[in-house]
Amino acid sequence: MKNKKDIVQRTYLFALHVIKFVRLLPRETASFVLGKQLAASGTSVAANIEEAQGAFSKDDFVYKMQTAYKEALETNLWLRLVRDAEIVKNDEIERLIRESVELKKILASIVKRSKEGNRV
């Protein structure tokens, strides 16, 4: 990753794609429940990254990044459930799952380096 702006932009775009994806889910109870959870966690990743940019301390920064990481984990769960329940079958769900995995890895690395004293 080139700089901290990359993760800010990447998570913003991820949240945007999650919102657009949720809007296309079928109008049924399972889709509504999973879509609501997916939209909440998928946008929360970006929201916590934004908040981390204004952290008051290293501990505050690490906390926000850890929260973003946990939200990325949760988002990955909801995406896999939508796919495996066969609510949708398309390339977009697979792309979102891959991106959620990549974000988890990036955020885990940021948290680890930040705890070691090398703020990103």
PDB file of N, CA and C in Angstrom:
ATOM      1  N   MET A   1       0.835  -1.167   0.000  1.00  0.00           N
ATOM      2  CA  MET A   1       0.000   0.000   0.000  1.00  0.00           C
ATOM      3  C   MET A   1       0.886   1.239   0.000  1.00  0.00           C
ATOM      4  N   LYS A   2       0.567   2.172  -0.861  1.00  0.00           N
ATOM      5  CA  LYS A   2       1.408   3.351  -1.035  1.00  0.00           C
ATOM      6  C   LYS A   2       1.340   4.292   0.157  1.00  0.00           C
ATOM      7  N   ASN A   3       0.152   4.580   0.632  1.00  0.00           N
ATOM      8  CA  ASN A   3       0.002   5.473   1.772  1.00  0.00           C
ATOM      9  C   ASN A   3      -1.364   5.280   2.406  1.00  0.00           C
ATOM     10  N   LYS A   4      -1.579   6.009   3.502  1.00  0.00           N
ATOM     11  CA  LYS A   4      -2.826   5.814   4.238  1.00  0.00           C
ATOM     12  C   LYS A   4      -4.060   6.209   3.438  1.00  0.00           C
ATOM     13  N   LYS A   5      -3.914   7.080   2.456  1.00  0.00           N
ATOM     14  CA  LYS A   5      -5.059   7.482   1.637  1.00  0.00           C
ATOM     15  C   LYS A   5      -5.578   6.309   0.804  1.00  0.00           C
ATOM     16  N   ASP A   6      -4.699   5.368   0.464  1.00  0.00           N
ATOM     17  CA  ASP A   6      -5.125   4.212  -0.319  1.00  0.00           C
ATOM     18  C   ASP A   6      -6.175   3.388   0.416  1.00  0.00           C
ATOM     19  N   ILE A   7      -5.949   3.123   1.704  1.00  0.00           N
ATOM     20  CA  ILE A   7      -6.915   2.317   2.458  1.00  0.00           C
ATOM     21  C   ILE A   7      -8.205   3.102   2.677  1.00  0.00           C
ATOM     22  N   VAL A   8      -8.109   4.400   2.828  1.00  0.00           N
ATOM     23  CA  VAL A   8      -9.307   5.233   2.974  1.00  0.00           C
ATOM     24  C   VAL A   8     -10.152   5.132   1.708  1.00  0.00           C
ATOM     25  N   GLN A   9      -9.532   5.304   0.567  1.00  0.00           N
ATOM     26  CA  GLN A   9     -10.250   5.242  -0.715  1.00  0.00           C
ATOM     27  C   GLN A   9     -10.757   3.827  -0.999  1.00  0.00           C
ATOM     28  N   ARG A  10      -9.938   2.844  -0.714  1.00  0.00           N
ATOM     29  CA  ARG A  10     -10.316   1.466  -1.008  1.00  0.00           C
ATOM     30  C   ARG A  10     -11.516   1.030  -0.172  1.00  0.00           C
ATOM     31  N   THR A  11     -11.533   1.390   1.109  1.00  0.00           N
ATOM     32  CA  THR A  11     -12.660   0.988   1.944  1.00  0.00           C
ATOM     33  C   THR A  11     -13.919   1.792   1.616  1.00  0.00           C
ATOM     34  N   TYR A  12     -13.733   3.043   1.181  1.00  0.00           N
ATOM     35  CA  TYR A  12     -14.882   3.841   0.737  1.00  0.00           C
ATOM     36  C   TYR A  12     -15.528   3.171  -0.487  1.00  0.00           C
ATOM     37  N   LEU A  13     -14.710   2.795  -1.446  1.00  0.00           N
ATOM     38  CA  LEU A  13     -15.235   2.139  -2.656  1.00  0.00           C
ATOM     39  C   LEU A  13     -15.867   0.791  -2.324  1.00  0.00           C
ATOM     40  N   PHE A  14     -15.274   0.067  -1.378  1.00  0.00           N
ATOM     41  CA  PHE A  14     -15.848  -1.203  -0.949  1.00  0.00           C
ATOM     42  C   PHE A  14     -17.239  -0.971  -0.361  1.00  0.00           C
ATOM     43  N   ALA A  15     -17.361   0.022   0.516  1.00  0.00           N
ATOM     44  CA  ALA A  15     -18.660   0.340   1.116  1.00  0.00           C
ATOM     45  C   ALA A  15     -19.676   0.711   0.040  1.00  0.00           C
ATOM     46  N   LEU A  16     -19.255   1.494  -0.917  1.00  0.00           N
ATOM     47  CA  LEU A  16     -20.130   1.896  -2.011  1.00  0.00           C
ATOM     48  C   LEU A  16     -20.602   0.675  -2.808  1.00  0.00           C
ATOM     49  N   HIS A  17     -19.702  -0.242  -3.100  1.00  0.00           N
ATOM     50  CA  HIS A  17     -20.071  -1.451  -3.849  1.00  0.00           C
ATOM     51  C   HIS A  17     -20.989  -2.347  -3.028  1.00  0.00           C
ATOM     52  N   VAL A  18     -20.775  -2.412  -1.720  1.00  0.00           N
ATOM     53  CA  VAL A  18     -21.664  -3.191  -0.856  1.00  0.00           C
ATOM     54  C   VAL A  18     -23.071  -2.606  -0.893  1.00  0.00           C
ATOM     55  N   ILE A  19     -23.188  -1.292  -0.788  1.00  0.00           N
ATOM     56  CA  ILE A  19     -24.501  -0.636  -0.835  1.00  0.00           C
ATOM     57  C   ILE A  19     -25.208  -0.950  -2.151  1.00  0.00           C
ATOM     58  N   LYS A  20     -24.500  -0.800  -3.257  1.00  0.00           N
ATOM     59  CA  LYS A  20     -25.108  -1.083  -4.565  1.00  0.00           C
ATOM     60  C   LYS A  20     -25.514  -2.546  -4.682  1.00  0.00           C
ATOM     61  N   PHE A  21     -24.700  -3.445  -4.128  1.00  0.00           N
ATOM     62  CA  PHE A  21     -25.008  -4.869  -4.160  1.00  0.00           C
ATOM     63  C   PHE A  21     -26.266  -5.167  -3.346  1.00  0.00           C
ATOM     64  N   VAL A  22     -26.349  -4.622  -2.143  1.00  0.00           N
ATOM     65  CA  VAL A  22     -27.503  -4.868  -1.268  1.00  0.00           C
ATOM     66  C   VAL A  22     -28.789  -4.376  -1.916  1.00  0.00           C
ATOM     67  N   ARG A  23     -28.709  -3.275  -2.625  1.00  0.00           N
ATOM     68  CA  ARG A  23     -29.906  -2.727  -3.289  1.00  0.00           C
ATOM     69  C   ARG A  23     -30.454  -3.673  -4.357  1.00  0.00           C
ATOM     70  N   LEU A  24     -29.629  -4.589  -4.847  1.00  0.00           N
ATOM     71  CA  LEU A  24     -30.047  -5.516  -5.897  1.00  0.00           C
ATOM     72  C   LEU A  24     -30.518  -6.870  -5.373  1.00  0.00           C
ATOM     73  N   LEU A  25     -30.448  -7.066  -4.060  1.00  0.00           N
ATOM     74  CA  LEU A  25     -30.889  -8.352  -3.505  1.00  0.00           C
ATOM     75  C   LEU A  25     -32.386  -8.524  -3.706  1.00  0.00           C
ATOM     76  N   PRO A  26     -32.832  -9.774  -3.840  1.00  0.00           N
ATOM     77  CA  PRO A  26     -34.267 -10.034  -4.008  1.00  0.00           C
ATOM     78  C   PRO A  26     -35.073  -9.521  -2.815  1.00  0.00           C
ATOM     79  N   ARG A  27     -36.319  -9.211  -3.063  1.00  0.00           N
ATOM     80  CA  ARG A  27     -37.215  -8.715  -2.013  1.00  0.00           C
ATOM     81  C   ARG A  27     -37.839  -9.915  -1.285  1.00  0.00           C
ATOM     82  N   GLU A  28     -37.097 -10.447  -0.324  1.00  0.00           N
ATOM     83  CA  GLU A  28     -37.567 -11.567   0.486  1.00  0.00           C
ATOM     84  C   GLU A  28     -36.969 -11.436   1.885  1.00  0.00           C
ATOM     85  N   THR A  29     -37.507 -12.160   2.835  1.00  0.00           N
ATOM     86  CA  THR A  29     -37.106 -12.009   4.234  1.00  0.00           C
ATOM     87  C   THR A  29     -35.624 -12.275   4.446  1.00  0.00           C
ATOM     88  N   ALA A  30     -35.104 -13.376   3.935  1.00  0.00           N
ATOM     89  CA  ALA A  30     -33.689 -13.706   4.136  1.00  0.00           C
ATOM     90  C   ALA A  30     -32.787 -12.631   3.538  1.00  0.00           C
ATOM     91  N   SER A  31     -33.124 -12.170   2.361  1.00  0.00           N
ATOM     92  CA  SER A  31     -32.336 -11.114   1.716  1.00  0.00           C
ATOM     93  C   SER A  31     -32.366  -9.829   2.526  1.00  0.00           C
ATOM     94  N   PHE A  32     -33.538  -9.514   3.076  1.00  0.00           N
ATOM     95  CA  PHE A  32     -33.665  -8.295   3.874  1.00  0.00           C
ATOM     96  C   PHE A  32     -32.780  -8.373   5.114  1.00  0.00           C
ATOM     97  N   VAL A  33     -32.849  -9.495   5.832  1.00  0.00           N
ATOM     98  CA  VAL A  33     -32.076  -9.660   7.070  1.00  0.00           C
ATOM     99  C   VAL A  33     -30.582  -9.647   6.775  1.00  0.00           C
ATOM    100  N   LEU A  34     -30.143 -10.452   5.826  1.00  0.00           N
ATOM    101  CA  LEU A  34     -28.716 -10.511   5.498  1.00  0.00           C
ATOM    102  C   LEU A  34     -28.230  -9.207   4.882  1.00  0.00           C
ATOM    103  N   GLY A  35     -29.061  -8.610   4.044  1.00  0.00           N
ATOM    104  CA  GLY A  35     -28.689  -7.346   3.407  1.00  0.00           C
ATOM    105  C   GLY A  35     -28.501  -6.228   4.412  1.00  0.00           C
ATOM    106  N   LYS A  36     -29.368  -6.194   5.409  1.00  0.00           N
ATOM    107  CA  LYS A  36     -29.257  -5.160   6.448  1.00  0.00           C
ATOM    108  C   LYS A  36     -27.946  -5.323   7.219  1.00  0.00           C
ATOM    109  N   GLN A  37     -27.622  -6.548   7.586  1.00  0.00           N
ATOM    110  CA  GLN A  37     -26.375  -6.828   8.305  1.00  0.00           C
ATOM    111  C   GLN A  37     -25.160  -6.504   7.434  1.00  0.00           C
ATOM    112  N   LEU A  38     -25.233  -6.906   6.177  1.00  0.00           N
ATOM    113  CA  LEU A  38     -24.142  -6.668   5.235  1.00  0.00           C
ATOM    114  C   LEU A  38     -23.910  -5.178   5.019  1.00  0.00           C
ATOM    115  N   ALA A  39     -24.985  -4.429   4.834  1.00  0.00           N
ATOM    116  CA  ALA A  39     -24.849  -2.984   4.626  1.00  0.00           C
ATOM    117  C   ALA A  39     -24.246  -2.314   5.863  1.00  0.00           C
ATOM    118  N   ALA A  40     -24.665  -2.742   7.036  1.00  0.00           N
ATOM    119  CA  ALA A  40     -24.155  -2.140   8.276  1.00  0.00           C
ATOM    120  C   ALA A  40     -22.666  -2.416   8.453  1.00  0.00           C
ATOM    121  N   SER A  41     -22.266  -3.668   8.323  1.00  0.00           N
ATOM    122  CA  SER A  41     -20.850  -3.993   8.550  1.00  0.00           C
ATOM    123  C   SER A  41     -19.966  -3.504   7.404  1.00  0.00           C
ATOM    124  N   GLY A  42     -20.450  -3.606   6.180  1.00  0.00           N
ATOM    125  CA  GLY A  42     -19.654  -3.189   5.021  1.00  0.00           C
ATOM    126  C   GLY A  42     -19.365  -1.703   5.005  1.00  0.00           C
ATOM    127  N   THR A  43     -20.321  -0.902   5.452  1.00  0.00           N
ATOM    128  CA  THR A  43     -20.083   0.538   5.511  1.00  0.00           C
ATOM    129  C   THR A  43     -19.312   0.916   6.774  1.00  0.00           C
ATOM    130  N   SER A  44     -19.432   0.114   7.796  1.00  0.00           N
ATOM    131  CA  SER A  44     -18.719   0.383   9.047  1.00  0.00           C
ATOM    132  C   SER A  44     -17.212   0.253   8.881  1.00  0.00           C
ATOM    133  N   VAL A  45     -16.767  -0.609   7.984  1.00  0.00           N
ATOM    134  CA  VAL A  45     -15.322  -0.724   7.715  1.00  0.00           C
ATOM    135  C   VAL A  45     -14.795   0.650   7.318  1.00  0.00           C
ATOM    136  N   ALA A  46     -15.421   1.259   6.337  1.00  0.00           N
ATOM    137  CA  ALA A  46     -14.982   2.572   5.848  1.00  0.00           C
ATOM    138  C   ALA A  46     -15.148   3.648   6.914  1.00  0.00           C
ATOM    139  N   ALA A  47     -16.237   3.594   7.662  1.00  0.00           N
ATOM    140  CA  ALA A  47     -16.480   4.612   8.688  1.00  0.00           C
ATOM    141  C   ALA A  47     -15.398   4.585   9.759  1.00  0.00           C
ATOM    142  N   ASN A  48     -14.992   3.403  10.163  1.00  0.00           N
ATOM    143  CA  ASN A  48     -13.949   3.301  11.184  1.00  0.00           C
ATOM    144  C   ASN A  48     -12.577   3.706  10.658  1.00  0.00           C
ATOM    145  N   ILE A  49     -12.323   3.455   9.385  1.00  0.00           N
ATOM    146  CA  ILE A  49     -11.065   3.917   8.779  1.00  0.00           C
ATOM    147  C   ILE A  49     -11.054   5.443   8.761  1.00  0.00           C
ATOM    148  N   GLU A  50     -12.173   6.046   8.403  1.00  0.00           N
ATOM    149  CA  GLU A  50     -12.275   7.517   8.405  1.00  0.00           C
ATOM    150  C   GLU A  50     -12.033   8.062   9.809  1.00  0.00           C
ATOM    151  N   GLU A  51     -12.658   7.445  10.796  1.00  0.00           N
ATOM    152  CA  GLU A  51     -12.472   7.902  12.167  1.00  0.00           C
ATOM    153  C   GLU A  51     -11.031   7.748  12.616  1.00  0.00           C
ATOM    154  N   ALA A  52     -10.367   6.696  12.191  1.00  0.00           N
ATOM    155  CA  ALA A  52      -8.967   6.469  12.568  1.00  0.00           C
ATOM    156  C   ALA A  52      -8.068   7.588  12.057  1.00  0.00           C
ATOM    157  N   GLN A  53      -8.452   8.208  10.951  1.00  0.00           N
ATOM    158  CA  GLN A  53      -7.635   9.291  10.392  1.00  0.00           C
ATOM    159  C   GLN A  53      -7.603  10.497  11.325  1.00  0.00           C
ATOM    160  N   GLY A  54      -8.604  10.621  12.179  1.00  0.00           N
ATOM    161  CA  GLY A  54      -8.649  11.729  13.120  1.00  0.00           C
ATOM    162  C   GLY A  54      -8.384  11.290  14.549  1.00  0.00           C
ATOM    163  N   ALA A  55      -7.704  10.170  14.707  1.00  0.00           N
ATOM    164  CA  ALA A  55      -7.441   9.632  16.043  1.00  0.00           C
ATOM    165  C   ALA A  55      -6.681  10.628  16.908  1.00  0.00           C
ATOM    166  N   PHE A  56      -7.027  10.637  18.186  1.00  0.00           N
ATOM    167  CA  PHE A  56      -6.391  11.542  19.142  1.00  0.00           C
ATOM    168  C   PHE A  56      -5.096  10.979  19.711  1.00  0.00           C
ATOM    169  N   SER A  57      -4.908   9.676  19.574  1.00  0.00           N
ATOM    170  CA  SER A  57      -3.714   9.030  20.114  1.00  0.00           C
ATOM    171  C   SER A  57      -3.443   7.757  19.326  1.00  0.00           C
ATOM    172  N   LYS A  58      -2.289   7.170  19.574  1.00  0.00           N
ATOM    173  CA  LYS A  58      -1.943   5.897  18.934  1.00  0.00           C
ATOM    174  C   LYS A  58      -2.952   4.822  19.353  1.00  0.00           C
ATOM    175  N   ASP A  59      -3.301   4.798  20.633  1.00  0.00           N
ATOM    176  CA  ASP A  59      -4.267   3.803  21.114  1.00  0.00           C
ATOM    177  C   ASP A  59      -5.627   3.979  20.436  1.00  0.00           C
ATOM    178  N   ASP A  60      -6.046   5.217  20.257  1.00  0.00           N
ATOM    179  CA  ASP A  60      -7.305   5.499  19.574  1.00  0.00           C
ATOM    180  C   ASP A  60      -7.238   5.016  18.129  1.00  0.00           C
ATOM    181  N   PHE A  61      -6.119   5.283  17.458  1.00  0.00           N
ATOM    182  CA  PHE A  61      -5.920   4.838  16.084  1.00  0.00           C
ATOM    183  C   PHE A  61      -6.004   3.315  15.992  1.00  0.00           C
ATOM    184  N   VAL A  62      -5.274   2.633  16.873  1.00  0.00           N
ATOM    185  CA  VAL A  62      -5.266   1.160  16.862  1.00  0.00           C
ATOM    186  C   VAL A  62      -6.672   0.625  17.118  1.00  0.00           C
ATOM    187  N   TYR A  63      -7.378   1.215  18.073  1.00  0.00           N
ATOM    188  CA  TYR A  63      -8.739   0.773  18.388  1.00  0.00           C
ATOM    189  C   TYR A  63      -9.652   0.881  17.166  1.00  0.00           C
ATOM    190  N   LYS A  64      -9.605   2.013  16.478  1.00  0.00           N
ATOM    191  CA  LYS A  64     -10.451   2.215  15.290  1.00  0.00           C
ATOM    192  C   LYS A  64     -10.083   1.234  14.179  1.00  0.00           C
ATOM    193  N   MET A  65      -8.791   0.997  14.001  1.00  0.00           N
ATOM    194  CA  MET A  65      -8.353   0.059  12.964  1.00  0.00           C
ATOM    195  C   MET A  65      -8.746  -1.378  13.321  1.00  0.00           C
ATOM    196  N   GLN A  66      -8.668  -1.713  14.609  1.00  0.00           N
ATOM    197  CA  GLN A  66      -9.103  -3.042  15.044  1.00  0.00           C
ATOM    198  C   GLN A  66     -10.603  -3.210  14.820  1.00  0.00           C
ATOM    199  N   THR A  67     -11.351  -2.168  15.083  1.00  0.00           N
ATOM    200  CA  THR A  67     -12.798  -2.214  14.855  1.00  0.00           C
ATOM    201  C   THR A  67     -13.090  -2.386  13.366  1.00  0.00           C
ATOM    202  N   ALA A  68     -12.361  -1.674  12.512  1.00  0.00           N
ATOM    203  CA  ALA A  68     -12.529  -1.832  11.062  1.00  0.00           C
ATOM    204  C   ALA A  68     -12.209  -3.265  10.647  1.00  0.00           C
ATOM    205  N   TYR A  69     -11.155  -3.835  11.225  1.00  0.00           N
ATOM    206  CA  TYR A  69     -10.780  -5.224  10.934  1.00  0.00           C
ATOM    207  C   TYR A  69     -11.917  -6.178  11.318  1.00  0.00           C
ATOM    208  N   LYS A  70     -12.477  -5.991  12.510  1.00  0.00           N
ATOM    209  CA  LYS A  70     -13.571  -6.863  12.949  1.00  0.00           C
ATOM    210  C   LYS A  70     -14.801  -6.708  12.060  1.00  0.00           C
ATOM    211  N   GLU A  71     -15.063  -5.496  11.612  1.00  0.00           N
ATOM    212  CA  GLU A  71     -16.189  -5.271  10.701  1.00  0.00           C
ATOM    213  C   GLU A  71     -15.934  -5.940   9.345  1.00  0.00           C
ATOM    214  N   ALA A  72     -14.690  -5.955   8.908  1.00  0.00           N
ATOM    215  CA  ALA A  72     -14.339  -6.646   7.655  1.00  0.00           C
ATOM    216  C   ALA A  72     -14.559  -8.154   7.798  1.00  0.00           C
ATOM    217  N   LEU A  73     -14.221  -8.693   8.969  1.00  0.00           N
ATOM    218  CA  LEU A  73     -14.482 -10.120   9.233  1.00  0.00           C
ATOM    219  C   LEU A  73     -15.975 -10.413   9.142  1.00  0.00           C
ATOM    220  N   GLU A  74     -16.761  -9.551   9.788  1.00  0.00           N
ATOM    221  CA  GLU A  74     -18.209  -9.741   9.788  1.00  0.00           C
ATOM    222  C   GLU A  74     -18.789  -9.601   8.385  1.00  0.00           C
ATOM    223  N   THR A  75     -18.310  -8.633   7.642  1.00  0.00           N
ATOM    224  CA  THR A  75     -18.788  -8.431   6.277  1.00  0.00           C
ATOM    225  C   THR A  75     -18.528  -9.670   5.432  1.00  0.00           C
ATOM    226  N   ASN A  76     -17.348 -10.254   5.598  1.00  0.00           N
ATOM    227  CA  ASN A  76     -17.011 -11.472   4.864  1.00  0.00           C
ATOM    228  C   ASN A  76     -17.997 -12.594   5.201  1.00  0.00           C
ATOM    229  N   LEU A  77     -18.376 -12.702   6.464  1.00  0.00           N
ATOM    230  CA  LEU A  77     -19.357 -13.715   6.865  1.00  0.00           C
ATOM    231  C   LEU A  77     -20.682 -13.514   6.141  1.00  0.00           C
ATOM    232  N   TRP A  78     -21.210 -12.295   6.164  1.00  0.00           N
ATOM    233  CA  TRP A  78     -22.506 -12.022   5.528  1.00  0.00           C
ATOM    234  C   TRP A  78     -22.443 -12.288   4.029  1.00  0.00           C
ATOM    235  N   LEU A  79     -21.347 -11.899   3.400  1.00  0.00           N
ATOM    236  CA  LEU A  79     -21.198 -12.147   1.961  1.00  0.00           C
ATOM    237  C   LEU A  79     -21.200 -13.635   1.657  1.00  0.00           C
ATOM    238  N   ARG A  80     -20.478 -14.412   2.447  1.00  0.00           N
ATOM    239  CA  ARG A  80     -20.446 -15.862   2.233  1.00  0.00           C
ATOM    240  C   ARG A  80     -21.814 -16.485   2.459  1.00  0.00           C
ATOM    241  N   LEU A  81     -22.549 -15.985   3.450  1.00  0.00           N
ATOM    242  CA  LEU A  81     -23.895 -16.510   3.692  1.00  0.00           C
ATOM    243  C   LEU A  81     -24.828 -16.202   2.523  1.00  0.00           C
ATOM    244  N   VAL A  82     -24.743 -14.993   1.988  1.00  0.00           N
ATOM    245  CA  VAL A  82     -25.567 -14.643   0.816  1.00  0.00           C
ATOM    246  C   VAL A  82     -25.231 -15.569  -0.348  1.00  0.00           C
ATOM    247  N   ARG A  83     -23.948 -15.788  -0.564  1.00  0.00           N
ATOM    248  CA  ARG A  83     -23.529 -16.681  -1.656  1.00  0.00           C
ATOM    249  C   ARG A  83     -23.965 -18.119  -1.411  1.00  0.00           C
ATOM    250  N   ASP A  84     -23.653 -18.650  -0.218  1.00  0.00           N
ATOM    251  CA  ASP A  84     -23.895 -20.066   0.057  1.00  0.00           C
ATOM    252  C   ASP A  84     -25.373 -20.400   0.227  1.00  0.00           C
ATOM    253  N   ALA A  85     -26.178 -19.404   0.601  1.00  0.00           N
ATOM    254  CA  ALA A  85     -27.633 -19.607   0.661  1.00  0.00           C
ATOM    255  C   ALA A  85     -28.255 -19.475  -0.725  1.00  0.00           C
ATOM    256  N   GLU A  86     -27.419 -19.180  -1.698  1.00  0.00           N
ATOM    257  CA  GLU A  86     -27.821 -19.039  -3.093  1.00  0.00           C
ATOM    258  C   GLU A  86     -28.881 -17.958  -3.285  1.00  0.00           C
ATOM    259  N   ILE A  87     -28.721 -16.884  -2.500  1.00  0.00           N
ATOM    260  CA  ILE A  87     -29.619 -15.741  -2.664  1.00  0.00           C
ATOM    261  C   ILE A  87     -29.296 -15.032  -3.970  1.00  0.00           C
ATOM    262  N   VAL A  88     -28.022 -14.978  -4.288  1.00  0.00           N
ATOM    263  CA  VAL A  88     -27.577 -14.460  -5.587  1.00  0.00           C
ATOM    264  C   VAL A  88     -26.468 -15.358  -6.121  1.00  0.00           C
ATOM    265  N   LYS A  89     -26.396 -15.407  -7.424  1.00  0.00           N
ATOM    266  CA  LYS A  89     -25.316 -16.139  -8.086  1.00  0.00           C
ATOM    267  C   LYS A  89     -24.779 -15.233  -9.180  1.00  0.00           C
ATOM    268  N   ASN A  90     -23.710 -14.482  -8.836  1.00  0.00           N
ATOM    269  CA  ASN A  90     -23.111 -13.630  -9.854  1.00  0.00           C
ATOM    270  C   ASN A  90     -21.657 -13.339  -9.506  1.00  0.00           C
ATOM    271  N   ASP A  91     -20.980 -12.730 -10.425  1.00  0.00           N
ATOM    272  CA  ASP A  91     -19.563 -12.439 -10.230  1.00  0.00           C
ATOM    273  C   ASP A  91     -19.334 -11.367  -9.173  1.00  0.00           C
ATOM    274  N   GLU A  92     -20.295 -10.492  -8.969  1.00  0.00           N
ATOM    275  CA  GLU A  92     -20.124  -9.397  -8.006  1.00  0.00           C
ATOM    276  C   GLU A  92     -19.947  -9.925  -6.584  1.00  0.00           C
ATOM    277  N   ILE A  93     -20.698 -10.946  -6.206  1.00  0.00           N
ATOM    278  CA  ILE A  93     -20.556 -11.488  -4.854  1.00  0.00           C
ATOM    279  C   ILE A  93     -19.158 -12.060  -4.659  1.00  0.00           C
ATOM    280  N   GLU A  94     -18.642 -12.721  -5.670  1.00  0.00           N
ATOM    281  CA  GLU A  94     -17.292 -13.283  -5.563  1.00  0.00           C
ATOM    282  C   GLU A  94     -16.246 -12.175  -5.482  1.00  0.00           C
ATOM    283  N   ARG A  95     -16.443 -11.113  -6.240  1.00  0.00           N
ATOM    284  CA  ARG A  95     -15.515  -9.987  -6.200  1.00  0.00           C
ATOM    285  C   ARG A  95     -15.531  -9.334  -4.828  1.00  0.00           C
ATOM    286  N   LEU A  96     -16.719  -9.160  -4.251  1.00  0.00           N
ATOM    287  CA  LEU A  96     -16.836  -8.563  -2.921  1.00  0.00           C
ATOM    288  C   LEU A  96     -16.207  -9.452  -1.854  1.00  0.00           C
ATOM    289  N   ILE A  97     -16.389 -10.751  -1.982  1.00  0.00           N
ATOM    290  CA  ILE A  97     -15.759 -11.677  -1.030  1.00  0.00           C
ATOM    291  C   ILE A  97     -14.241 -11.577  -1.118  1.00  0.00           C
ATOM    292  N   ARG A  98     -13.702 -11.571  -2.332  1.00  0.00           N
ATOM    293  CA  ARG A  98     -12.246 -11.441  -2.495  1.00  0.00           C
ATOM    294  C   ARG A  98     -11.743 -10.138  -1.899  1.00  0.00           C
ATOM    295  N   GLU A  99     -12.460  -9.053  -2.148  1.00  0.00           N
ATOM    296  CA  GLU A  99     -12.035  -7.758  -1.615  1.00  0.00           C
ATOM    297  C   GLU A  99     -12.111  -7.744  -0.088  1.00  0.00           C
ATOM    298  N   SER A 100     -13.131  -8.367   0.491  1.00  0.00           N
ATOM    299  CA  SER A 100     -13.231  -8.408   1.953  1.00  0.00           C
ATOM    300  C   SER A 100     -12.060  -9.190   2.557  1.00  0.00           C
ATOM    301  N   VAL A 101     -11.633 -10.242   1.885  1.00  0.00           N
ATOM    302  CA  VAL A 101     -10.464 -11.010   2.347  1.00  0.00           C
ATOM    303  C   VAL A 101      -9.204 -10.150   2.277  1.00  0.00           C
ATOM    304  N   GLU A 102      -9.040  -9.441   1.172  1.00  0.00           N
ATOM    305  CA  GLU A 102      -7.874  -8.556   1.032  1.00  0.00           C
ATOM    306  C   GLU A 102      -7.882  -7.462   2.094  1.00  0.00           C
ATOM    307  N   LEU A 103      -9.031  -6.868   2.342  1.00  0.00           N
ATOM    308  CA  LEU A 103      -9.129  -5.819   3.359  1.00  0.00           C
ATOM    309  C   LEU A 103      -8.802  -6.364   4.741  1.00  0.00           C
ATOM    310  N   LYS A 104      -9.268  -7.580   5.046  1.00  0.00           N
ATOM    311  CA  LYS A 104      -8.939  -8.197   6.336  1.00  0.00           C
ATOM    312  C   LYS A 104      -7.428  -8.309   6.501  1.00  0.00           C
ATOM    313  N   LYS A 105      -6.750  -8.755   5.450  1.00  0.00           N
ATOM    314  CA  LYS A 105      -5.295  -8.919   5.504  1.00  0.00           C
ATOM    315  C   LYS A 105      -4.592  -7.577   5.687  1.00  0.00           C
ATOM    316  N   ILE A 106      -5.006  -6.581   4.935  1.00  0.00           N
ATOM    317  CA  ILE A 106      -4.399  -5.250   5.023  1.00  0.00           C
ATOM    318  C   ILE A 106      -4.615  -4.661   6.411  1.00  0.00           C
ATOM    319  N   LEU A 107      -5.839  -4.749   6.908  1.00  0.00           N
ATOM    320  CA  LEU A 107      -6.149  -4.170   8.218  1.00  0.00           C
ATOM    321  C   LEU A 107      -5.423  -4.902   9.337  1.00  0.00           C
ATOM    322  N   ALA A 108      -5.303  -6.207   9.232  1.00  0.00           N
ATOM    323  CA  ALA A 108      -4.541  -6.968  10.236  1.00  0.00           C
ATOM    324  C   ALA A 108      -3.089  -6.499  10.257  1.00  0.00           C
ATOM    325  N   SER A 109      -2.528  -6.262   9.089  1.00  0.00           N
ATOM    326  CA  SER A 109      -1.154  -5.782   8.990  1.00  0.00           C
ATOM    327  C   SER A 109      -1.009  -4.379   9.582  1.00  0.00           C
ATOM    328  N   ILE A 110      -1.951  -3.510   9.295  1.00  0.00           N
ATOM    329  CA  ILE A 110      -1.912  -2.146   9.836  1.00  0.00           C
ATOM    330  C   ILE A 110      -1.985  -2.185  11.359  1.00  0.00           C
ATOM    331  N   VAL A 111      -2.878  -2.991  11.891  1.00  0.00           N
ATOM    332  CA  VAL A 111      -3.019  -3.097  13.345  1.00  0.00           C
ATOM    333  C   VAL A 111      -1.728  -3.620  13.961  1.00  0.00           C
ATOM    334  N   LYS A 112      -1.178  -4.666  13.373  1.00  0.00           N
ATOM    335  CA  LYS A 112       0.058  -5.247  13.909  1.00  0.00           C
ATOM    336  C   LYS A 112       1.193  -4.227  13.905  1.00  0.00           C
ATOM    337  N   ARG A 113       1.395  -3.548  12.770  1.00  0.00           N
ATOM    338  CA  ARG A 113       2.474  -2.551  12.676  1.00  0.00           C
ATOM    339  C   ARG A 113       2.228  -1.378  13.610  1.00  0.00           C
ATOM    340  N   SER A 114       0.981  -0.988  13.756  1.00  0.00           N
ATOM    341  CA  SER A 114       0.662   0.134  14.631  1.00  0.00           C
ATOM    342  C   SER A 114       0.944  -0.211  16.097  1.00  0.00           C
ATOM    343  N   LYS A 115       0.645  -1.423  16.486  1.00  0.00           N
ATOM    344  CA  LYS A 115       0.919  -1.846  17.849  1.00  0.00           C
ATOM    345  C   LYS A 115       2.426  -1.912  18.126  1.00  0.00           C
ATOM    346  N   GLU A 116       3.178  -2.182  17.081  1.00  0.00           N
ATOM    347  CA  GLU A 116       4.638  -2.238  17.213  1.00  0.00           C
ATOM    348  C   GLU A 116       5.258  -0.852  17.211  1.00  0.00           C
ATOM    349  N   GLY A 117       4.454   0.160  17.007  1.00  0.00           N
ATOM    350  CA  GLY A 117       4.950   1.527  17.073  1.00  0.00           C
ATOM    351  C   GLY A 117       5.207   2.176  15.733  1.00  0.00           C
ATOM    352  N   ASN A 118       4.857   1.508  14.649  1.00  0.00           N
ATOM    353  CA  ASN A 118       5.065   2.050  13.309  1.00  0.00           C
ATOM    354  C   ASN A 118       3.730   2.438  12.711  1.00  0.00           C
ATOM    355  N   ARG A 119       3.185   3.552  13.150  1.00  0.00           N
ATOM    356  CA  ARG A 119       1.876   3.992  12.659  1.00  0.00           C
ATOM    357  C   ARG A 119       1.919   4.173  11.152  1.00  0.00           C
ATOM    358  N   VAL A 120       0.869   3.699  10.501  1.00  0.00           N
ATOM    359  CA  VAL A 120       0.768   3.770   9.033  1.00  0.00           C
ATOM    360  C   VAL A 120       0.364   5.150   8.603  1.00  0.00           C
TER     361      VAL A 120
END
